[in-house]
């Protein structure tokens, strides 16, 4: 399992062979983009609520980072919000992660 893959080396990791049921091998090139390299999952707490979210690196197959909500806050499933295209019609290298967060003490 690689520990870190520089963005310039991603293309070699995104091509893979699959052994088909008929005994042949098929080569596929992934459509995984830099925006889809990471996946996000909610972190389930002891009280039965989501208490944060985890960022997973899908290429290196490891946990990248975690975000925990403040004490008294619970949230929903994280959602990826893509950055708008810039003036040259290219996507910015920015994504946002959104989630409904409820503060049990204030609300």
C-alpha atoms as a PDB file:
ATOM      1  CA  UNK A   1       0.000   0.000   0.000  1.00  0.00           C
ATOM      2  CA  UNK A   2       1.590   3.312  -1.047  1.00  0.00           C
ATOM      3  CA  UNK A   3       2.067   5.881   1.687  1.00  0.00           C
ATOM      4  CA  UNK A   4       1.813   8.925  -0.573  1.00  0.00           C
ATOM      5  CA  UNK A   5       1.348   9.380  -4.302  1.00  0.00           C
ATOM      6  CA  UNK A   6       2.246  12.726  -5.893  1.00  0.00           C
ATOM      7  CA  UNK A   7      -0.463  14.046  -8.258  1.00  0.00           C
ATOM      8  CA  UNK A   8       1.859  13.593 -11.266  1.00  0.00           C
ATOM      9  CA  UNK A   9       2.002   9.827 -10.585  1.00  0.00           C
ATOM     10  CA  UNK A  10      -1.769   9.323 -10.312  1.00  0.00           C
ATOM     11  CA  UNK A  11      -2.302   8.351 -13.945  1.00  0.00           C
ATOM     12  CA  UNK A  12      -0.257   5.174 -13.546  1.00  0.00           C
ATOM     13  CA  UNK A  13      -2.371   4.124 -10.561  1.00  0.00           C
ATOM     14  CA  UNK A  14      -5.636   4.755 -12.361  1.00  0.00           C
ATOM     15  CA  UNK A  15      -5.082   2.033 -14.979  1.00  0.00           C
ATOM     16  CA  UNK A  16      -5.849  -1.480 -13.833  1.00  0.00           C
ATOM     17  CA  UNK A  17      -6.465  -4.988 -15.139  1.00  0.00           C
ATOM     18  CA  UNK A  18      -9.522  -7.050 -14.265  1.00  0.00           C
ATOM     19  CA  UNK A  19      -9.763 -10.799 -14.804  1.00  0.00           C
ATOM     20  CA  UNK A  20     -13.111 -11.472 -16.437  1.00  0.00           C
ATOM     21  CA  UNK A  21     -15.207 -14.585 -15.789  1.00  0.00           C
ATOM     22  CA  UNK A  22     -14.507 -15.862 -19.302  1.00  0.00           C
ATOM     23  CA  UNK A  23     -10.757 -16.066 -18.505  1.00  0.00           C
ATOM     24  CA  UNK A  24      -9.740 -12.928 -20.363  1.00  0.00           C
ATOM     25  CA  UNK A  25      -8.068  -9.907 -18.845  1.00  0.00           C
ATOM     26  CA  UNK A  26      -9.499  -6.496 -19.526  1.00  0.00           C
ATOM     27  CA  UNK A  27      -7.605  -3.234 -19.021  1.00  0.00           C
ATOM     28  CA  UNK A  28      -9.517  -0.262 -17.674  1.00  0.00           C
ATOM     29  CA  UNK A  29      -8.546   3.338 -17.123  1.00  0.00           C
ATOM     30  CA  UNK A  30     -10.288   4.882 -14.167  1.00  0.00           C
ATOM     31  CA  UNK A  31     -12.266   8.076 -14.579  1.00  0.00           C
ATOM     32  CA  UNK A  32     -11.277   9.079 -11.048  1.00  0.00           C
ATOM     33  CA  UNK A  33     -10.494  12.785 -11.111  1.00  0.00           C
ATOM     34  CA  UNK A  34      -8.711  14.862  -8.502  1.00  0.00           C
ATOM     35  CA  UNK A  35     -12.130  15.924  -7.255  1.00  0.00           C
ATOM     36  CA  UNK A  36     -13.193  12.303  -6.817  1.00  0.00           C
ATOM     37  CA  UNK A  37      -9.916  11.122  -5.312  1.00  0.00           C
ATOM     38  CA  UNK A  38     -11.309  11.630  -1.816  1.00  0.00           C
ATOM     39  CA  UNK A  39     -14.422  10.170  -0.254  1.00  0.00           C
ATOM     40  CA  UNK A  40     -16.180  11.374   2.866  1.00  0.00           C
ATOM     41  CA  UNK A  41     -18.045   9.380   5.508  1.00  0.00           C
ATOM     42  CA  UNK A  42     -19.800  10.384   8.695  1.00  0.00           C
ATOM     43  CA  UNK A  43     -18.291   9.420  12.058  1.00  0.00           C
ATOM     44  CA  UNK A  44     -20.874   7.727  14.264  1.00  0.00           C
ATOM     45  CA  UNK A  45     -20.692   8.641  17.970  1.00  0.00           C
ATOM     46  CA  UNK A  46     -21.698   6.721  21.097  1.00  0.00           C
ATOM     47  CA  UNK A  47     -24.938   8.693  21.467  1.00  0.00           C
ATOM     48  CA  UNK A  48     -26.325   7.486  18.146  1.00  0.00           C
ATOM     49  CA  UNK A  49     -25.517  10.672  16.220  1.00  0.00           C
ATOM     50  CA  UNK A  50     -22.897  11.693  13.694  1.00  0.00           C
ATOM     51  CA  UNK A  51     -20.163  13.602  15.520  1.00  0.00           C
ATOM     52  CA  UNK A  52     -17.949  14.482  12.553  1.00  0.00           C
ATOM     53  CA  UNK A  53     -16.707  13.183   9.236  1.00  0.00           C
ATOM     54  CA  UNK A  54     -13.684  11.365   7.821  1.00  0.00           C
ATOM     55  CA  UNK A  55     -11.822  12.116   4.572  1.00  0.00           C
ATOM     56  CA  UNK A  56     -10.592   8.966   2.787  1.00  0.00           C
ATOM     57  CA  UNK A  57      -7.876   8.866   0.106  1.00  0.00           C
ATOM     58  CA  UNK A  58      -9.251   6.494  -2.537  1.00  0.00           C
ATOM     59  CA  UNK A  59      -5.921   6.152  -4.381  1.00  0.00           C
ATOM     60  CA  UNK A  60      -3.690   5.457  -1.393  1.00  0.00           C
ATOM     61  CA  UNK A  61      -6.533   3.548   0.302  1.00  0.00           C
ATOM     62  CA  UNK A  62      -6.129   5.174   3.681  1.00  0.00           C
ATOM     63  CA  UNK A  63      -7.689   7.652   6.067  1.00  0.00           C
ATOM     64  CA  UNK A  64      -6.528  11.162   5.154  1.00  0.00           C
ATOM     65  CA  UNK A  65      -8.047  13.263   7.957  1.00  0.00           C
ATOM     66  CA  UNK A  66     -10.978  13.696  10.328  1.00  0.00           C
ATOM     67  CA  UNK A  67     -13.138  16.623  11.396  1.00  0.00           C
ATOM     68  CA  UNK A  68     -15.094  16.509  14.650  1.00  0.00           C
ATOM     69  CA  UNK A  69     -17.968  18.839  15.495  1.00  0.00           C
ATOM     70  CA  UNK A  70     -17.872  20.966  18.651  1.00  0.00           C
ATOM     71  CA  UNK A  71     -19.276  19.605  21.941  1.00  0.00           C
ATOM     72  CA  UNK A  72     -23.067  19.533  21.827  1.00  0.00           C
ATOM     73  CA  UNK A  73     -23.189  19.475  18.016  1.00  0.00           C
ATOM     74  CA  UNK A  74     -24.377  16.610  15.832  1.00  0.00           C
ATOM     75  CA  UNK A  75     -24.467  16.468  12.043  1.00  0.00           C
ATOM     76  CA  UNK A  76     -25.694  14.679   8.985  1.00  0.00           C
ATOM     77  CA  UNK A  77     -23.920  12.853   6.177  1.00  0.00           C
ATOM     78  CA  UNK A  78     -21.146  14.926   4.581  1.00  0.00           C
ATOM     79  CA  UNK A  79     -21.756  16.130   1.005  1.00  0.00           C
ATOM     80  CA  UNK A  80     -19.169  17.203  -1.560  1.00  0.00           C
ATOM     81  CA  UNK A  81     -19.818  20.633  -3.065  1.00  0.00           C
ATOM     82  CA  UNK A  82     -17.713  21.219  -6.162  1.00  0.00           C
ATOM     83  CA  UNK A  83     -16.069  24.568  -6.854  1.00  0.00           C
ATOM     84  CA  UNK A  84     -17.427  26.606  -9.736  1.00  0.00           C
ATOM     85  CA  UNK A  85     -15.437  26.854 -12.944  1.00  0.00           C
ATOM     86  CA  UNK A  86     -13.176  29.884 -13.187  1.00  0.00           C
ATOM     87  CA  UNK A  87     -13.120  32.453 -16.024  1.00  0.00           C
ATOM     88  CA  UNK A  88     -11.061  30.113 -18.242  1.00  0.00           C
ATOM     89  CA  UNK A  89     -13.790  27.447 -17.832  1.00  0.00           C
ATOM     90  CA  UNK A  90     -11.511  25.159 -15.795  1.00  0.00           C
ATOM     91  CA  UNK A  91     -12.432  23.712 -12.453  1.00  0.00           C
ATOM     92  CA  UNK A  92     -10.599  25.155  -9.520  1.00  0.00           C
ATOM     93  CA  UNK A  93      -8.659  22.692  -7.383  1.00  0.00           C
ATOM     94  CA  UNK A  94     -11.041  23.354  -4.492  1.00  0.00           C
ATOM     95  CA  UNK A  95     -13.915  21.371  -3.056  1.00  0.00           C
ATOM     96  CA  UNK A  96     -16.106  22.074  -0.071  1.00  0.00           C
ATOM     97  CA  UNK A  97     -17.620  19.554   2.293  1.00  0.00           C
ATOM     98  CA  UNK A  98     -21.054  20.463   3.587  1.00  0.00           C
ATOM     99  CA  UNK A  99     -23.107  18.906   6.345  1.00  0.00           C
ATOM    100  CA  UNK A 100     -26.168  19.800   8.349  1.00  0.00           C
ATOM    101  CA  UNK A 101     -24.971  20.565  11.895  1.00  0.00           C
ATOM    102  CA  UNK A 102     -27.344  20.924  14.842  1.00  0.00           C
ATOM    103  CA  UNK A 103     -26.272  22.411  18.179  1.00  0.00           C
ATOM    104  CA  UNK A 104     -28.324  20.656  20.855  1.00  0.00           C
ATOM    105  CA  UNK A 105     -27.622  23.343  23.481  1.00  0.00           C
ATOM    106  CA  UNK A 106     -28.468  26.409  21.391  1.00  0.00           C
ATOM    107  CA  UNK A 107     -31.430  25.046  19.448  1.00  0.00           C
END
